[in-house]
Amino acid sequence: MNLVRGIRRFSRDEAGVTALEYGILAAVVAVVIGGVFSTQMSTTVTSIFSKVSAAVTNVKTQ
């Protein structure tokens, strides 16, 4: 019967629920922000890698 009491007590315990809710909210906000800036970031990163690749190619040919 201790196990049953423990499960009931655990199911009624709300400690930590607020932290979990804030964590979920932060994750959703991060996904939204990531979605907004993903296209811009992708373009910027592609440009940077293209410049680095061109510089490396230029050094190799000299």
PDB file of N, CA and C in Angstrom:
ATOM      1  N   MET A   1       0.812  -1.206   0.000  1.00  0.00           N
ATOM      2  CA  MET A   1       0.000   0.000   0.000  1.00  0.00           C
ATOM      3  C   MET A   1       0.853   1.266   0.000  1.00  0.00           C
ATOM      4  N   ASN A   2       2.112   1.166   0.422  1.00  0.00           N
ATOM      5  CA  ASN A   2       2.993   2.329   0.391  1.00  0.00           C
ATOM      6  C   ASN A   2       3.186   2.848  -1.027  1.00  0.00           C
ATOM      7  N   LEU A   3       3.270   1.936  -1.986  1.00  0.00           N
ATOM      8  CA  LEU A   3       3.455   2.316  -3.378  1.00  0.00           C
ATOM      9  C   LEU A   3       2.252   3.102  -3.882  1.00  0.00           C
ATOM     10  N   VAL A   4       1.058   2.635  -3.554  1.00  0.00           N
ATOM     11  CA  VAL A   4      -0.160   3.321  -3.985  1.00  0.00           C
ATOM     12  C   VAL A   4      -0.225   4.713  -3.375  1.00  0.00           C
ATOM     13  N   ARG A   5       0.099   4.820  -2.087  1.00  0.00           N
ATOM     14  CA  ARG A   5       0.112   6.137  -1.434  1.00  0.00           C
ATOM     15  C   ARG A   5       1.146   7.058  -2.070  1.00  0.00           C
ATOM     16  N   GLY A   6       2.286   6.508  -2.382  1.00  0.00           N
ATOM     17  CA  GLY A   6       3.340   7.301  -3.017  1.00  0.00           C
ATOM     18  C   GLY A   6       2.925   7.809  -4.386  1.00  0.00           C
ATOM     19  N   ILE A   7       2.270   6.964  -5.153  1.00  0.00           N
ATOM     20  CA  ILE A   7       1.797   7.375  -6.482  1.00  0.00           C
ATOM     21  C   ILE A   7       0.736   8.451  -6.361  1.00  0.00           C
ATOM     22  N   ARG A   8      -0.182   8.294  -5.415  1.00  0.00           N
ATOM     23  CA  ARG A   8      -1.219   9.316  -5.218  1.00  0.00           C
ATOM     24  C   ARG A   8      -0.609  10.644  -4.798  1.00  0.00           C
ATOM     25  N   ARG A   9       0.352  10.581  -3.895  1.00  0.00           N
ATOM     26  CA  ARG A   9       1.013  11.802  -3.427  1.00  0.00           C
ATOM     27  C   ARG A   9       1.760  12.475  -4.589  1.00  0.00           C
ATOM     28  N   PHE A  10       2.430  11.683  -5.407  1.00  0.00           N
ATOM     29  CA  PHE A  10       3.163  12.215  -6.550  1.00  0.00           C
ATOM     30  C   PHE A  10       2.215  12.861  -7.554  1.00  0.00           C
ATOM     31  N   SER A  11       1.047  12.252  -7.780  1.00  0.00           N
ATOM     32  CA  SER A  11       0.105  12.796  -8.761  1.00  0.00           C
ATOM     33  C   SER A  11      -0.509  14.114  -8.299  1.00  0.00           C
ATOM     34  N   ARG A  12      -0.564  14.339  -6.985  1.00  0.00           N
ATOM     35  CA  ARG A  12      -1.119  15.594  -6.464  1.00  0.00           C
ATOM     36  C   ARG A  12      -0.067  16.678  -6.262  1.00  0.00           C
ATOM     37  N   ASP A  13       1.188  16.313  -6.299  1.00  0.00           N
ATOM     38  CA  ASP A  13       2.276  17.263  -6.055  1.00  0.00           C
ATOM     39  C   ASP A  13       2.431  18.191  -7.255  1.00  0.00           C
ATOM     40  N   GLU A  14       2.358  19.489  -7.016  1.00  0.00           N
ATOM     41  CA  GLU A  14       2.474  20.464  -8.094  1.00  0.00           C
ATOM     42  C   GLU A  14       3.788  21.230  -8.040  1.00  0.00           C
ATOM     43  N   ALA A  15       4.696  20.841  -7.184  1.00  0.00           N
ATOM     44  CA  ALA A  15       5.995  21.509  -7.103  1.00  0.00           C
ATOM     45  C   ALA A  15       6.765  21.244  -8.388  1.00  0.00           C
ATOM     46  N   GLY A  16       7.323  22.278  -8.949  1.00  0.00           N
ATOM     47  CA  GLY A  16       8.099  22.143 -10.169  1.00  0.00           C
ATOM     48  C   GLY A  16       7.290  22.285 -11.441  1.00  0.00           C
ATOM     49  N   VAL A  17       5.977  22.315 -11.327  1.00  0.00           N
ATOM     50  CA  VAL A  17       5.139  22.443 -12.515  1.00  0.00           C
ATOM     51  C   VAL A  17       5.350  23.802 -13.161  1.00  0.00           C
ATOM     52  N   THR A  18       5.473  24.845 -12.362  1.00  0.00           N
ATOM     53  CA  THR A  18       5.677  26.184 -12.900  1.00  0.00           C
ATOM     54  C   THR A  18       6.990  26.258 -13.665  1.00  0.00           C
ATOM     55  N   ALA A  19       8.036  25.667 -13.139  1.00  0.00           N
ATOM     56  CA  ALA A  19       9.326  25.662 -13.834  1.00  0.00           C
ATOM     57  C   ALA A  19       9.209  24.929 -15.164  1.00  0.00           C
ATOM     58  N   LEU A  20       8.475  23.845 -15.183  1.00  0.00           N
ATOM     59  CA  LEU A  20       8.264  23.099 -16.418  1.00  0.00           C
ATOM     60  C   LEU A  20       7.505  23.945 -17.436  1.00  0.00           C
ATOM     61  N   GLU A  21       6.484  24.659 -16.975  1.00  0.00           N
ATOM     62  CA  GLU A  21       5.719  25.521 -17.873  1.00  0.00           C
ATOM     63  C   GLU A  21       6.594  26.622 -18.452  1.00  0.00           C
ATOM     64  N   TYR A  22       7.426  27.229 -17.621  1.00  0.00           N
ATOM     65  CA  TYR A  22       8.333  28.263 -18.118  1.00  0.00           C
ATOM     66  C   TYR A  22       9.337  27.675 -19.109  1.00  0.00           C
ATOM     67  N   GLY A  23       9.788  26.478 -18.869  1.00  0.00           N
ATOM     68  CA  GLY A  23      10.706  25.821 -19.797  1.00  0.00           C
ATOM     69  C   GLY A  23      10.066  25.575 -21.152  1.00  0.00           C
ATOM     70  N   ILE A  24       8.824  25.117 -21.139  1.00  0.00           N
ATOM     71  CA  ILE A  24       8.102  24.894 -22.393  1.00  0.00           C
ATOM     72  C   ILE A  24       7.884  26.212 -23.118  1.00  0.00           C
ATOM     73  N   LEU A  25       7.511  27.252 -22.387  1.00  0.00           N
ATOM     74  CA  LEU A  25       7.313  28.569 -22.988  1.00  0.00           C
ATOM     75  C   LEU A  25       8.606  29.085 -23.607  1.00  0.00           C
ATOM     76  N   ALA A  26       9.722  28.932 -22.913  1.00  0.00           N
ATOM     77  CA  ALA A  26      11.015  29.376 -23.444  1.00  0.00           C
ATOM     78  C   ALA A  26      11.374  28.603 -24.714  1.00  0.00           C
ATOM     79  N   ALA A  27      11.079  27.318 -24.743  1.00  0.00           N
ATOM     80  CA  ALA A  27      11.363  26.514 -25.934  1.00  0.00           C
ATOM     81  C   ALA A  27      10.524  26.977 -27.123  1.00  0.00           C
ATOM     82  N   VAL A  28       9.258  27.282 -26.885  1.00  0.00           N
ATOM     83  CA  VAL A  28       8.385  27.762 -27.960  1.00  0.00           C
ATOM     84  C   VAL A  28       8.881  29.098 -28.492  1.00  0.00           C
ATOM     85  N   VAL A  29       9.251  30.002 -27.591  1.00  0.00           N
ATOM     86  CA  VAL A  29       9.769  31.310 -28.010  1.00  0.00           C
ATOM     87  C   VAL A  29      11.048  31.132 -28.823  1.00  0.00           C
ATOM     88  N   ALA A  30      11.923  30.242 -28.395  1.00  0.00           N
ATOM     89  CA  ALA A  30      13.171  29.999 -29.125  1.00  0.00           C
ATOM     90  C   ALA A  30      12.894  29.459 -30.527  1.00  0.00           C
ATOM     91  N   VAL A  31      11.922  28.580 -30.657  1.00  0.00           N
ATOM     92  CA  VAL A  31      11.574  28.036 -31.971  1.00  0.00           C
ATOM     93  C   VAL A  31      11.019  29.128 -32.874  1.00  0.00           C
ATOM     94  N   VAL A  32      10.166  29.988 -32.330  1.00  0.00           N
ATOM     95  CA  VAL A  32       9.599  31.084 -33.122  1.00  0.00           C
ATOM     96  C   VAL A  32      10.698  32.035 -33.578  1.00  0.00           C
ATOM     97  N   ILE A  33      11.574  32.424 -32.665  1.00  0.00           N
ATOM     98  CA  ILE A  33      12.670  33.329 -33.020  1.00  0.00           C
ATOM     99  C   ILE A  33      13.584  32.659 -34.045  1.00  0.00           C
ATOM    100  N   GLY A  34      13.876  31.400 -33.847  1.00  0.00           N
ATOM    101  CA  GLY A  34      14.699  30.672 -34.812  1.00  0.00           C
ATOM    102  C   GLY A  34      14.058  30.616 -36.187  1.00  0.00           C
ATOM    103  N   GLY A  35      12.764  30.425 -36.224  1.00  0.00           N
ATOM    104  CA  GLY A  35      12.054  30.398 -37.502  1.00  0.00           C
ATOM    105  C   GLY A  35      12.077  31.731 -38.213  1.00  0.00           C
ATOM    106  N   VAL A  36      11.982  32.800 -37.453  1.00  0.00           N
ATOM    107  CA  VAL A  36      11.993  34.139 -38.041  1.00  0.00           C
ATOM    108  C   VAL A  36      13.356  34.450 -38.642  1.00  0.00           C
ATOM    109  N   PHE A  37      14.413  34.099 -37.926  1.00  0.00           N
ATOM    110  CA  PHE A  37      15.749  34.479 -38.359  1.00  0.00           C
ATOM    111  C   PHE A  37      16.478  33.397 -39.153  1.00  0.00           C
ATOM    112  N   SER A  38      15.873  32.240 -39.341  1.00  0.00           N
ATOM    113  CA  SER A  38      16.584  31.138 -39.999  1.00  0.00           C
ATOM    114  C   SER A  38      16.969  31.468 -41.433  1.00  0.00           C
ATOM    115  N   THR A  39      16.091  32.114 -42.175  1.00  0.00           N
ATOM    116  CA  THR A  39      16.395  32.452 -43.563  1.00  0.00           C
ATOM    117  C   THR A  39      17.534  33.449 -43.637  1.00  0.00           C
ATOM    118  N   GLN A  40      17.473  34.466 -42.797  1.00  0.00           N
ATOM    119  CA  GLN A  40      18.526  35.478 -42.786  1.00  0.00           C
ATOM    120  C   GLN A  40      19.855  34.859 -42.355  1.00  0.00           C
ATOM    121  N   MET A  41      19.825  34.021 -41.341  1.00  0.00           N
ATOM    122  CA  MET A  41      21.053  33.368 -40.877  1.00  0.00           C
ATOM    123  C   MET A  41      21.621  32.458 -41.951  1.00  0.00           C
ATOM    124  N   SER A  42      20.762  31.725 -42.613  1.00  0.00           N
ATOM    125  CA  SER A  42      21.206  30.812 -43.658  1.00  0.00           C
ATOM    126  C   SER A  42      21.915  31.573 -44.769  1.00  0.00           C
ATOM    127  N   THR A  43      21.363  32.693 -45.178  1.00  0.00           N
ATOM    128  CA  THR A  43      21.976  33.511 -46.220  1.00  0.00           C
ATOM    129  C   THR A  43      23.323  34.043 -45.765  1.00  0.00           C
ATOM    130  N   THR A  44      23.398  34.514 -44.536  1.00  0.00           N
ATOM    131  CA  THR A  44      24.645  35.061 -44.003  1.00  0.00           C
ATOM    132  C   THR A  44      25.719  33.986 -43.898  1.00  0.00           C
ATOM    133  N   VAL A  45      25.366  32.827 -43.360  1.00  0.00           N
ATOM    134  CA  VAL A  45      26.337  31.740 -43.207  1.00  0.00           C
ATOM    135  C   VAL A  45      26.816  31.255 -44.576  1.00  0.00           C
ATOM    136  N   THR A  46      25.913  31.133 -45.528  1.00  0.00           N
ATOM    137  CA  THR A  46      26.294  30.724 -46.882  1.00  0.00           C
ATOM    138  C   THR A  46      27.264  31.718 -47.491  1.00  0.00           C
ATOM    139  N   SER A  47      27.002  32.997 -47.295  1.00  0.00           N
ATOM    140  CA  SER A  47      27.892  34.040 -47.811  1.00  0.00           C
ATOM    141  C   SER A  47      29.278  33.951 -47.179  1.00  0.00           C
ATOM    142  N   ILE A  48      29.322  33.748 -45.883  1.00  0.00           N
ATOM    143  CA  ILE A  48      30.612  33.646 -45.184  1.00  0.00           C
ATOM    144  C   ILE A  48      31.402  32.448 -45.701  1.00  0.00           C
ATOM    145  N   PHE A  49      30.758  31.286 -45.828  1.00  0.00           N
ATOM    146  CA  PHE A  49      31.461  30.097 -46.311  1.00  0.00           C
ATOM    147  C   PHE A  49      31.909  30.264 -47.762  1.00  0.00           C
ATOM    148  N   SER A  50      31.123  30.951 -48.559  1.00  0.00           N
ATOM    149  CA  SER A  50      31.526  31.201 -49.948  1.00  0.00           C
ATOM    150  C   SER A  50      32.774  32.066 -49.998  1.00  0.00           C
ATOM    151  N   LYS A  51      32.826  33.098 -49.155  1.00  0.00           N
ATOM    152  CA  LYS A  51      34.000  33.974 -49.114  1.00  0.00           C
ATOM    153  C   LYS A  51      35.234  33.215 -48.638  1.00  0.00           C
ATOM    154  N   VAL A  52      35.070  32.379 -47.618  1.00  0.00           N
ATOM    155  CA  VAL A  52      36.197  31.588 -47.111  1.00  0.00           C
ATOM    156  C   VAL A  52      36.671  30.611 -48.186  1.00  0.00           C
ATOM    157  N   SER A  53      35.741  29.963 -48.859  1.00  0.00           N
ATOM    158  CA  SER A  53      36.089  29.021 -49.919  1.00  0.00           C
ATOM    159  C   SER A  53      36.830  29.722 -51.052  1.00  0.00           C
ATOM    160  N   ALA A  54      36.367  30.899 -51.432  1.00  0.00           N
ATOM    161  CA  ALA A  54      37.036  31.662 -52.493  1.00  0.00           C
ATOM    162  C   ALA A  54      38.439  32.068 -52.062  1.00  0.00           C
ATOM    163  N   ALA A  55      38.602  32.458 -50.816  1.00  0.00           N
ATOM    164  CA  ALA A  55      39.920  32.847 -50.315  1.00  0.00           C
ATOM    165  C   ALA A  55      40.870  31.654 -50.306  1.00  0.00           C
ATOM    166  N   VAL A  56      40.390  30.495 -49.895  1.00  0.00           N
ATOM    167  CA  VAL A  56      41.227  29.291 -49.876  1.00  0.00           C
ATOM    168  C   VAL A  56      41.607  28.897 -51.304  1.00  0.00           C
ATOM    169  N   THR A  57      40.666  28.959 -52.208  1.00  0.00           N
ATOM    170  CA  THR A  57      40.943  28.638 -53.608  1.00  0.00           C
ATOM    171  C   THR A  57      41.965  29.610 -54.187  1.00  0.00           C
ATOM    172  N   ASN A  58      41.835  30.884 -53.850  1.00  0.00           N
ATOM    173  CA  ASN A  58      42.761  31.909 -54.328  1.00  0.00           C
ATOM    174  C   ASN A  58      44.170  31.638 -53.813  1.00  0.00           C
ATOM    175  N   VAL A  59      44.300  31.232 -52.569  1.00  0.00           N
ATOM    176  CA  VAL A  59      45.613  30.942 -51.987  1.00  0.00           C
ATOM    177  C   VAL A  59      46.223  29.709 -52.661  1.00  0.00           C
ATOM    178  N   LYS A  60      45.400  28.707 -52.960  1.00  0.00           N
ATOM    179  CA  LYS A  60      45.897  27.483 -53.593  1.00  0.00           C
ATOM    180  C   LYS A  60      46.435  27.748 -54.998  1.00  0.00           C
ATOM    181  N   THR A  61      45.809  28.650 -55.730  1.00  0.00           N
ATOM    182  CA  THR A  61      46.197  28.895 -57.119  1.00  0.00           C
ATOM    183  C   THR A  61      47.411  29.802 -57.240  1.00  0.00           C
ATOM    184  N   GLN A  62      47.825  30.434 -56.185  1.00  0.00           N
ATOM    185  CA  GLN A  62      48.975  31.346 -56.269  1.00  0.00           C
ATOM    186  C   GLN A  62      50.270  30.639 -56.113  1.00  0.00           C
TER     187      GLN A  62
END
